[in-house]
Amino acid sequence: MKRVMQDTSLKGFFKATSMADMDWWSALWSEPEAVLRKVGLRPGMKAVDLCCGYGWFTAPMARMAAPGQVIGVDIDPAMIEAARQHVQEQGAPECRWITGDAGEIDRQLSGNVDFILVANVFHGVPDRTALARSAATCLKKGGQLVIINWHALPREETRVLGEPRGPLTELRMTPEQTRQDVEPAGFRLHEIIELKPYHYAAVFLKDQEATSHDGKST
């Protein structure tokens, strides 16, 4: 897939989350199916790839969740089109696509989602608890919110294809910081899964009622 220029001027774009090229994704995440299996994606789920970018995780999600449904969400129409193309090239089942702000996804989806993935962008979200609350509104009771973060290591130590990659050192989040931001939105931390060499997945389960933008409880 050719490099797609991401429009970082879009209102609602998460700062410090620019999309790297596909060579970088394939080097760092060479087995996305194995990652998704570890974090609990299963057949038959209704699953959301929130901030899907190129669709590197969306395509295997669509294969693994079948006969369920996978929804790719990104604020940038160019990223949605790139992800759609990638899913087609991979021969994965057709997905639903939503162009919109991840922090307002509860305006688009009701509380019948089983699984939401947020990969490599949570560090840049200006109001992380608000995003988690929006995700909670979309999920069923017991549904999973999976956040993949870079470990809080110095950036010069996290090298991909020979170069330091990932967010600035000061933006990186420990699992405890992630828990503190997410649990107030109605979740409980289920487990932390190591994703070598540089990441972890924080798996949360929806544990309480969540209130949507329109004031309705789910």
C-alpha atoms as a PDB file:
ATOM      1  CA  MET A   1       0.000   0.000   0.000  1.00  0.00           C
ATOM      2  CA  LYS A   2       1.307   3.459  -0.861  1.00  0.00           C
ATOM      3  CA  ARG A   3       1.923   6.054   1.864  1.00  0.00           C
ATOM      4  CA  VAL A   4      -1.244   8.004   2.654  1.00  0.00           C
ATOM      5  CA  MET A   5      -0.857  11.548   3.948  1.00  0.00           C
ATOM      6  CA  GLN A   6      -2.811  11.924   7.150  1.00  0.00           C
ATOM      7  CA  ASP A   7      -4.671  15.193   7.680  1.00  0.00           C
ATOM      8  CA  THR A   8      -3.485  16.230  11.138  1.00  0.00           C
ATOM      9  CA  SER A   9      -5.368  19.547  10.894  1.00  0.00           C
ATOM     10  CA  LEU A  10      -8.749  17.857  11.322  1.00  0.00           C
ATOM     11  CA  LYS A  11     -10.771  19.036  14.302  1.00  0.00           C
ATOM     12  CA  GLY A  12     -10.672  16.262  16.897  1.00  0.00           C
ATOM     13  CA  PHE A  13      -7.407  14.741  15.625  1.00  0.00           C
ATOM     14  CA  PHE A  14      -5.408  13.344  18.555  1.00  0.00           C
ATOM     15  CA  LYS A  15      -2.057  15.090  18.811  1.00  0.00           C
ATOM     16  CA  ALA A  16       1.178  13.067  18.786  1.00  0.00           C
ATOM     17  CA  THR A  17      -0.569  10.186  17.016  1.00  0.00           C
ATOM     18  CA  SER A  18       0.486  10.598  13.370  1.00  0.00           C
ATOM     19  CA  MET A  19       0.293   7.440  11.276  1.00  0.00           C
ATOM     20  CA  ALA A  20       3.561   5.708  10.407  1.00  0.00           C
ATOM     21  CA  ASP A  21       3.924   3.915   7.073  1.00  0.00           C
ATOM     22  CA  MET A  22       2.953   0.304   6.443  1.00  0.00           C
ATOM     23  CA  ASP A  23       6.554  -0.954   6.522  1.00  0.00           C
ATOM     24  CA  TRP A  24       6.730   0.235  10.130  1.00  0.00           C
ATOM     25  CA  TRP A  25       3.453  -1.471  11.017  1.00  0.00           C
ATOM     26  CA  SER A  26       4.511  -4.757   9.453  1.00  0.00           C
ATOM     27  CA  ALA A  27       7.876  -4.654  11.248  1.00  0.00           C
ATOM     28  CA  LEU A  28       6.404  -3.947  14.663  1.00  0.00           C
ATOM     29  CA  TRP A  29       3.167  -5.951  14.366  1.00  0.00           C
ATOM     30  CA  SER A  30       4.146  -8.856  12.147  1.00  0.00           C
ATOM     31  CA  GLU A  31       1.467 -11.145  13.638  1.00  0.00           C
ATOM     32  CA  PRO A  32      -1.614  -9.017  14.351  1.00  0.00           C
ATOM     33  CA  GLU A  33      -3.819 -12.119  14.608  1.00  0.00           C
ATOM     34  CA  ALA A  34      -1.733 -13.394  17.507  1.00  0.00           C
ATOM     35  CA  VAL A  35      -2.098 -10.047  19.282  1.00  0.00           C
ATOM     36  CA  LEU A  36      -5.878 -10.045  18.809  1.00  0.00           C
ATOM     37  CA  ARG A  37      -6.120 -13.623  20.040  1.00  0.00           C
ATOM     38  CA  LYS A  38      -4.186 -12.707  23.200  1.00  0.00           C
ATOM     39  CA  VAL A  39      -6.450  -9.778  24.013  1.00  0.00           C
ATOM     40  CA  GLY A  40      -9.657 -11.783  23.656  1.00  0.00           C
ATOM     41  CA  LEU A  41     -11.172 -11.225  20.211  1.00  0.00           C
ATOM     42  CA  ARG A  42     -13.406 -14.198  19.365  1.00  0.00           C
ATOM     43  CA  PRO A  43     -15.666 -15.367  16.523  1.00  0.00           C
ATOM     44  CA  GLY A  44     -19.125 -13.863  16.457  1.00  0.00           C
ATOM     45  CA  MET A  45     -18.198 -10.618  18.205  1.00  0.00           C
ATOM     46  CA  LYS A  46     -19.313  -7.156  17.160  1.00  0.00           C
ATOM     47  CA  ALA A  47     -15.960  -5.387  17.308  1.00  0.00           C
ATOM     48  CA  VAL A  48     -14.709  -1.840  16.722  1.00  0.00           C
ATOM     49  CA  ASP A  49     -11.236  -0.770  15.606  1.00  0.00           C
ATOM     50  CA  LEU A  50     -11.224   2.753  17.033  1.00  0.00           C
ATOM     51  CA  CYS A  51      -8.749   5.047  15.218  1.00  0.00           C
ATOM     52  CA  CYS A  52      -8.184   2.285  12.676  1.00  0.00           C
ATOM     53  CA  GLY A  53      -5.644   4.128  10.511  1.00  0.00           C
ATOM     54  CA  TYR A  54      -4.484   1.944   7.610  1.00  0.00           C
ATOM     55  CA  GLY A  55      -6.539  -1.004   8.851  1.00  0.00           C
ATOM     56  CA  TRP A  56      -3.570  -3.118   9.924  1.00  0.00           C
ATOM     57  CA  PHE A  57      -5.621  -4.573  12.768  1.00  0.00           C
ATOM     58  CA  THR A  58      -9.009  -4.121  11.088  1.00  0.00           C
ATOM     59  CA  ALA A  59      -8.428  -6.786   8.437  1.00  0.00           C
ATOM     60  CA  PRO A  60      -7.459  -9.588  10.852  1.00  0.00           C
ATOM     61  CA  MET A  61     -10.234  -8.466  13.200  1.00  0.00           C
ATOM     62  CA  ALA A  62     -12.728  -8.981  10.364  1.00  0.00           C
ATOM     63  CA  ARG A  63     -11.405 -12.476   9.680  1.00  0.00           C
ATOM     64  CA  MET A  64     -11.300 -13.513  13.329  1.00  0.00           C
ATOM     65  CA  ALA A  65     -14.652 -12.039  14.394  1.00  0.00           C
ATOM     66  CA  ALA A  66     -16.602 -13.646  11.540  1.00  0.00           C
ATOM     67  CA  PRO A  67     -19.522 -14.278  11.445  1.00  0.00           C
ATOM     68  CA  GLY A  68     -19.687 -11.189  13.640  1.00  0.00           C
ATOM     69  CA  GLN A  69     -19.252  -7.612  12.466  1.00  0.00           C
ATOM     70  CA  VAL A  70     -16.213  -5.326  12.519  1.00  0.00           C
ATOM     71  CA  ILE A  71     -16.459  -1.543  12.382  1.00  0.00           C
ATOM     72  CA  GLY A  72     -13.492   0.645  11.485  1.00  0.00           C
ATOM     73  CA  VAL A  73     -13.527   4.203  12.830  1.00  0.00           C
ATOM     74  CA  ASP A  74     -11.187   7.075  11.964  1.00  0.00           C
ATOM     75  CA  ILE A  75     -11.538  10.830  11.841  1.00  0.00           C
ATOM     76  CA  ASP A  76      -9.654  11.089   8.530  1.00  0.00           C
ATOM     77  CA  PRO A  77     -11.557  10.072   5.361  1.00  0.00           C
ATOM     78  CA  ALA A  78      -8.227   9.248   3.673  1.00  0.00           C
ATOM     79  CA  MET A  79      -7.433   6.737   6.423  1.00  0.00           C
ATOM     80  CA  ILE A  80     -10.880   5.168   6.105  1.00  0.00           C
ATOM     81  CA  GLU A  81     -10.363   4.714   2.375  1.00  0.00           C
ATOM     82  CA  ALA A  82      -6.874   3.256   2.923  1.00  0.00           C
ATOM     83  CA  ALA A  83      -8.241   0.833   5.531  1.00  0.00           C
ATOM     84  CA  ARG A  84     -11.105  -0.184   3.260  1.00  0.00           C
ATOM     85  CA  GLN A  85      -8.613  -0.920   0.479  1.00  0.00           C
ATOM     86  CA  HIS A  86      -6.351  -2.901   2.830  1.00  0.00           C
ATOM     87  CA  VAL A  87      -9.244  -5.050   4.051  1.00  0.00           C
ATOM     88  CA  GLN A  88     -10.217  -5.800   0.456  1.00  0.00           C
ATOM     89  CA  GLU A  89      -6.627  -6.621  -0.533  1.00  0.00           C
ATOM     90  CA  GLN A  90      -6.364  -9.005   2.415  1.00  0.00           C
ATOM     91  CA  GLY A  91      -9.524 -10.821   1.350  1.00  0.00           C
ATOM     92  CA  ALA A  92     -11.114 -10.174   4.750  1.00  0.00           C
ATOM     93  CA  PRO A  93     -14.880  -9.986   5.244  1.00  0.00           C
ATOM     94  CA  GLU A  94     -16.517  -6.660   4.502  1.00  0.00           C
ATOM     95  CA  CYS A  95     -16.493  -4.136   7.349  1.00  0.00           C
ATOM     96  CA  ARG A  96     -18.643  -1.186   8.279  1.00  0.00           C
ATOM     97  CA  TRP A  97     -16.859   2.163   8.211  1.00  0.00           C
ATOM     98  CA  ILE A  98     -17.460   5.318  10.249  1.00  0.00           C
ATOM     99  CA  THR A  99     -15.676   8.608   9.592  1.00  0.00           C
ATOM    100  CA  GLY A 100     -15.807  10.548  12.832  1.00  0.00           C
ATOM    101  CA  ASP A 101     -14.321  11.611  16.148  1.00  0.00           C
ATOM    102  CA  ALA A 102     -13.398   8.627  18.332  1.00  0.00           C
ATOM    103  CA  GLY A 103     -14.393  10.615  21.403  1.00  0.00           C
ATOM    104  CA  GLU A 104     -17.962  10.838  20.127  1.00  0.00           C
ATOM    105  CA  ILE A 105     -18.406   7.270  18.916  1.00  0.00           C
ATOM    106  CA  ASP A 106     -21.376   6.851  21.260  1.00  0.00           C
ATOM    107  CA  ARG A 107     -23.314   9.125  18.886  1.00  0.00           C
ATOM    108  CA  GLN A 108     -22.886   6.467  16.190  1.00  0.00           C
ATOM    109  CA  LEU A 109     -23.135   3.160  18.062  1.00  0.00           C
ATOM    110  CA  SER A 110     -25.479   1.939  20.768  1.00  0.00           C
ATOM    111  CA  GLY A 111     -24.689  -0.433  23.624  1.00  0.00           C
ATOM    112  CA  ASN A 112     -24.466  -3.692  21.680  1.00  0.00           C
ATOM    113  CA  VAL A 113     -20.714  -3.841  20.967  1.00  0.00           C
ATOM    114  CA  ASP A 114     -18.620  -6.694  22.406  1.00  0.00           C
ATOM    115  CA  PHE A 115     -15.070  -5.466  21.831  1.00  0.00           C
ATOM    116  CA  ILE A 116     -13.314  -2.129  21.190  1.00  0.00           C
ATOM    117  CA  LEU A 117      -9.639  -1.863  20.260  1.00  0.00           C
ATOM    118  CA  VAL A 118      -7.655   1.366  20.700  1.00  0.00           C
ATOM    119  CA  ALA A 119      -4.100   0.807  19.456  1.00  0.00           C
ATOM    120  CA  ASN A 120      -1.171   3.231  19.714  1.00  0.00           C
ATOM    121  CA  VAL A 121      -3.165   6.455  20.149  1.00  0.00           C
ATOM    122  CA  PHE A 122      -4.404   6.614  23.752  1.00  0.00           C
ATOM    123  CA  HIS A 123      -1.372   8.643  24.867  1.00  0.00           C
ATOM    124  CA  GLY A 124      -2.467  11.509  22.599  1.00  0.00           C
ATOM    125  CA  VAL A 125      -6.104  11.722  23.670  1.00  0.00           C
ATOM    126  CA  PRO A 126      -6.743  15.073  25.424  1.00  0.00           C
ATOM    127  CA  ASP A 127      -9.523  13.694  27.670  1.00  0.00           C
ATOM    128  CA  ARG A 128      -8.888   9.981  28.049  1.00  0.00           C
ATOM    129  CA  THR A 129     -11.640   9.347  30.587  1.00  0.00           C
ATOM    130  CA  ALA A 130     -14.166  10.991  28.273  1.00  0.00           C
ATOM    131  CA  LEU A 131     -13.098   8.706  25.419  1.00  0.00           C
ATOM    132  CA  ALA A 132     -13.387   5.681  27.708  1.00  0.00           C
ATOM    133  CA  ARG A 133     -16.852   6.834  28.766  1.00  0.00           C
ATOM    134  CA  SER A 134     -17.902   7.114  25.117  1.00  0.00           C
ATOM    135  CA  ALA A 135     -16.575   3.597  24.515  1.00  0.00           C
ATOM    136  CA  ALA A 136     -18.438   2.300  27.572  1.00  0.00           C
ATOM    137  CA  THR A 137     -21.710   3.616  26.188  1.00  0.00           C
ATOM    138  CA  CYS A 138     -21.181   1.535  23.047  1.00  0.00           C
ATOM    139  CA  LEU A 139     -20.321  -1.695  24.888  1.00  0.00           C
ATOM    140  CA  LYS A 140     -22.528  -4.363  26.376  1.00  0.00           C
ATOM    141  CA  LYS A 141     -22.191  -5.053  30.105  1.00  0.00           C
ATOM    142  CA  GLY A 142     -19.030  -7.131  30.340  1.00  0.00           C
ATOM    143  CA  GLY A 143     -17.799  -5.913  26.952  1.00  0.00           C
ATOM    144  CA  GLN A 144     -14.071  -5.414  26.442  1.00  0.00           C
ATOM    145  CA  LEU A 145     -12.107  -2.221  25.910  1.00  0.00           C
ATOM    146  CA  VAL A 146      -8.549  -3.079  24.863  1.00  0.00           C
ATOM    147  CA  ILE A 147      -5.948  -0.321  24.909  1.00  0.00           C
ATOM    148  CA  ILE A 148      -2.552  -1.025  23.369  1.00  0.00           C
ATOM    149  CA  ASN A 149       0.095   1.404  24.620  1.00  0.00           C
ATOM    150  CA  TRP A 150       3.816   1.870  24.328  1.00  0.00           C
ATOM    151  CA  HIS A 151       5.599   1.028  27.561  1.00  0.00           C
ATOM    152  CA  ALA A 152       6.935   4.054  29.452  1.00  0.00           C
ATOM    153  CA  LEU A 153      10.467   3.556  28.152  1.00  0.00           C
ATOM    154  CA  PRO A 154      12.796   6.287  26.847  1.00  0.00           C
ATOM    155  CA  ARG A 155      12.017   6.829  23.179  1.00  0.00           C
ATOM    156  CA  GLU A 156      15.639   6.233  22.172  1.00  0.00           C
ATOM    157  CA  GLU A 157      15.275   2.658  23.472  1.00  0.00           C
ATOM    158  CA  THR A 158      12.226   1.768  21.354  1.00  0.00           C
ATOM    159  CA  ARG A 159      13.738   1.299  17.926  1.00  0.00           C
ATOM    160  CA  VAL A 160      11.891   0.036  14.861  1.00  0.00           C
ATOM    161  CA  LEU A 161      13.738  -0.545  11.588  1.00  0.00           C
ATOM    162  CA  GLY A 162      16.820   0.945  13.220  1.00  0.00           C
ATOM    163  CA  GLU A 163      15.240   4.225  14.347  1.00  0.00           C
ATOM    164  CA  PRO A 164      13.660   5.441  17.602  1.00  0.00           C
ATOM    165  CA  ARG A 165       9.879   5.317  17.153  1.00  0.00           C
ATOM    166  CA  GLY A 166       6.736   5.927  19.109  1.00  0.00           C
ATOM    167  CA  PRO A 167       5.544   8.911  21.142  1.00  0.00           C
ATOM    168  CA  LEU A 168       7.838  11.243  23.036  1.00  0.00           C
ATOM    169  CA  THR A 169       9.108   9.776  26.300  1.00  0.00           C
ATOM    170  CA  GLU A 170       7.064  12.212  28.392  1.00  0.00           C
ATOM    171  CA  LEU A 171       3.803  11.178  26.670  1.00  0.00           C
ATOM    172  CA  ARG A 172       4.109   7.475  27.414  1.00  0.00           C
ATOM    173  CA  MET A 173       1.813   5.868  29.965  1.00  0.00           C
ATOM    174  CA  THR A 174       2.359   3.143  32.504  1.00  0.00           C
ATOM    175  CA  PRO A 175      -0.364   0.502  32.930  1.00  0.00           C
ATOM    176  CA  GLU A 176      -1.300   2.165  36.231  1.00  0.00           C
ATOM    177  CA  GLN A 177      -1.768   5.543  34.543  1.00  0.00           C
ATOM    178  CA  THR A 178      -3.968   3.891  31.930  1.00  0.00           C
ATOM    179  CA  ARG A 179      -6.035   2.208  34.629  1.00  0.00           C
ATOM    180  CA  GLN A 180      -6.520   5.495  36.476  1.00  0.00           C
ATOM    181  CA  ASP A 181      -7.839   7.164  33.328  1.00  0.00           C
ATOM    182  CA  VAL A 182     -10.165   4.354  32.224  1.00  0.00           C
ATOM    183  CA  GLU A 183     -11.753   2.878  35.355  1.00  0.00           C
ATOM    184  CA  PRO A 184     -13.703   6.055  36.301  1.00  0.00           C
ATOM    185  CA  ALA A 185     -15.642   5.637  33.040  1.00  0.00           C
ATOM    186  CA  GLY A 186     -17.294   2.440  34.317  1.00  0.00           C
ATOM    187  CA  PHE A 187     -14.631  -0.189  33.671  1.00  0.00           C
ATOM    188  CA  ARG A 188     -12.529  -2.535  35.751  1.00  0.00           C
ATOM    189  CA  LEU A 189      -9.096  -3.679  34.728  1.00  0.00           C
ATOM    190  CA  HIS A 190      -9.188  -7.357  33.763  1.00  0.00           C
ATOM    191  CA  GLU A 191      -5.532  -7.960  32.874  1.00  0.00           C
ATOM    192  CA  ILE A 192      -2.323  -6.485  31.499  1.00  0.00           C
ATOM    193  CA  ILE A 193      -0.805  -8.453  28.623  1.00  0.00           C
ATOM    194  CA  GLU A 194       2.788  -8.002  27.521  1.00  0.00           C
ATOM    195  CA  LEU A 195       3.204  -7.413  23.787  1.00  0.00           C
ATOM    196  CA  LYS A 196       6.918  -7.607  23.144  1.00  0.00           C
ATOM    197  CA  PRO A 197       9.110  -5.824  22.430  1.00  0.00           C
ATOM    198  CA  TYR A 198       7.702  -2.425  23.473  1.00  0.00           C
ATOM    199  CA  HIS A 199       3.962  -2.558  24.169  1.00  0.00           C
ATOM    200  CA  TYR A 200       1.337  -3.787  26.612  1.00  0.00           C
ATOM    201  CA  ALA A 201      -2.387  -4.298  26.247  1.00  0.00           C
ATOM    202  CA  ALA A 202      -4.660  -3.169  29.068  1.00  0.00           C
ATOM    203  CA  VAL A 203      -7.875  -5.191  28.889  1.00  0.00           C
ATOM    204  CA  PHE A 204     -10.856  -3.582  30.639  1.00  0.00           C
ATOM    205  CA  LEU A 205     -14.358  -4.952  31.150  1.00  0.00           C
ATOM    206  CA  LYS A 206     -17.413  -2.714  31.270  1.00  0.00           C
ATOM    207  CA  ASP A 207     -18.534  -2.929  34.863  1.00  0.00           C
ATOM    208  CA  GLN A 208     -21.124  -0.201  35.390  1.00  0.00           C
ATOM    209  CA  GLU A 209     -23.773   1.885  33.682  1.00  0.00           C
ATOM    210  CA  ALA A 210     -22.358   4.475  31.313  1.00  0.00           C
ATOM    211  CA  THR A 211     -24.071   7.697  30.270  1.00  0.00           C
ATOM    212  CA  SER A 212     -24.076   8.750  26.626  1.00  0.00           C
ATOM    213  CA  HIS A 213     -23.902  12.279  25.215  1.00  0.00           C
ATOM    214  CA  ASP A 214     -27.705  12.438  25.110  1.00  0.00           C
ATOM    215  CA  GLY A 215     -27.903  11.606  28.827  1.00  0.00           C
ATOM    216  CA  LYS A 216     -29.268   8.081  28.413  1.00  0.00           C
ATOM    217  CA  SER A 217     -27.852   5.254  30.500  1.00  0.00           C
ATOM    218  CA  THR A 218     -26.660   2.002  28.910  1.00  0.00           C
END
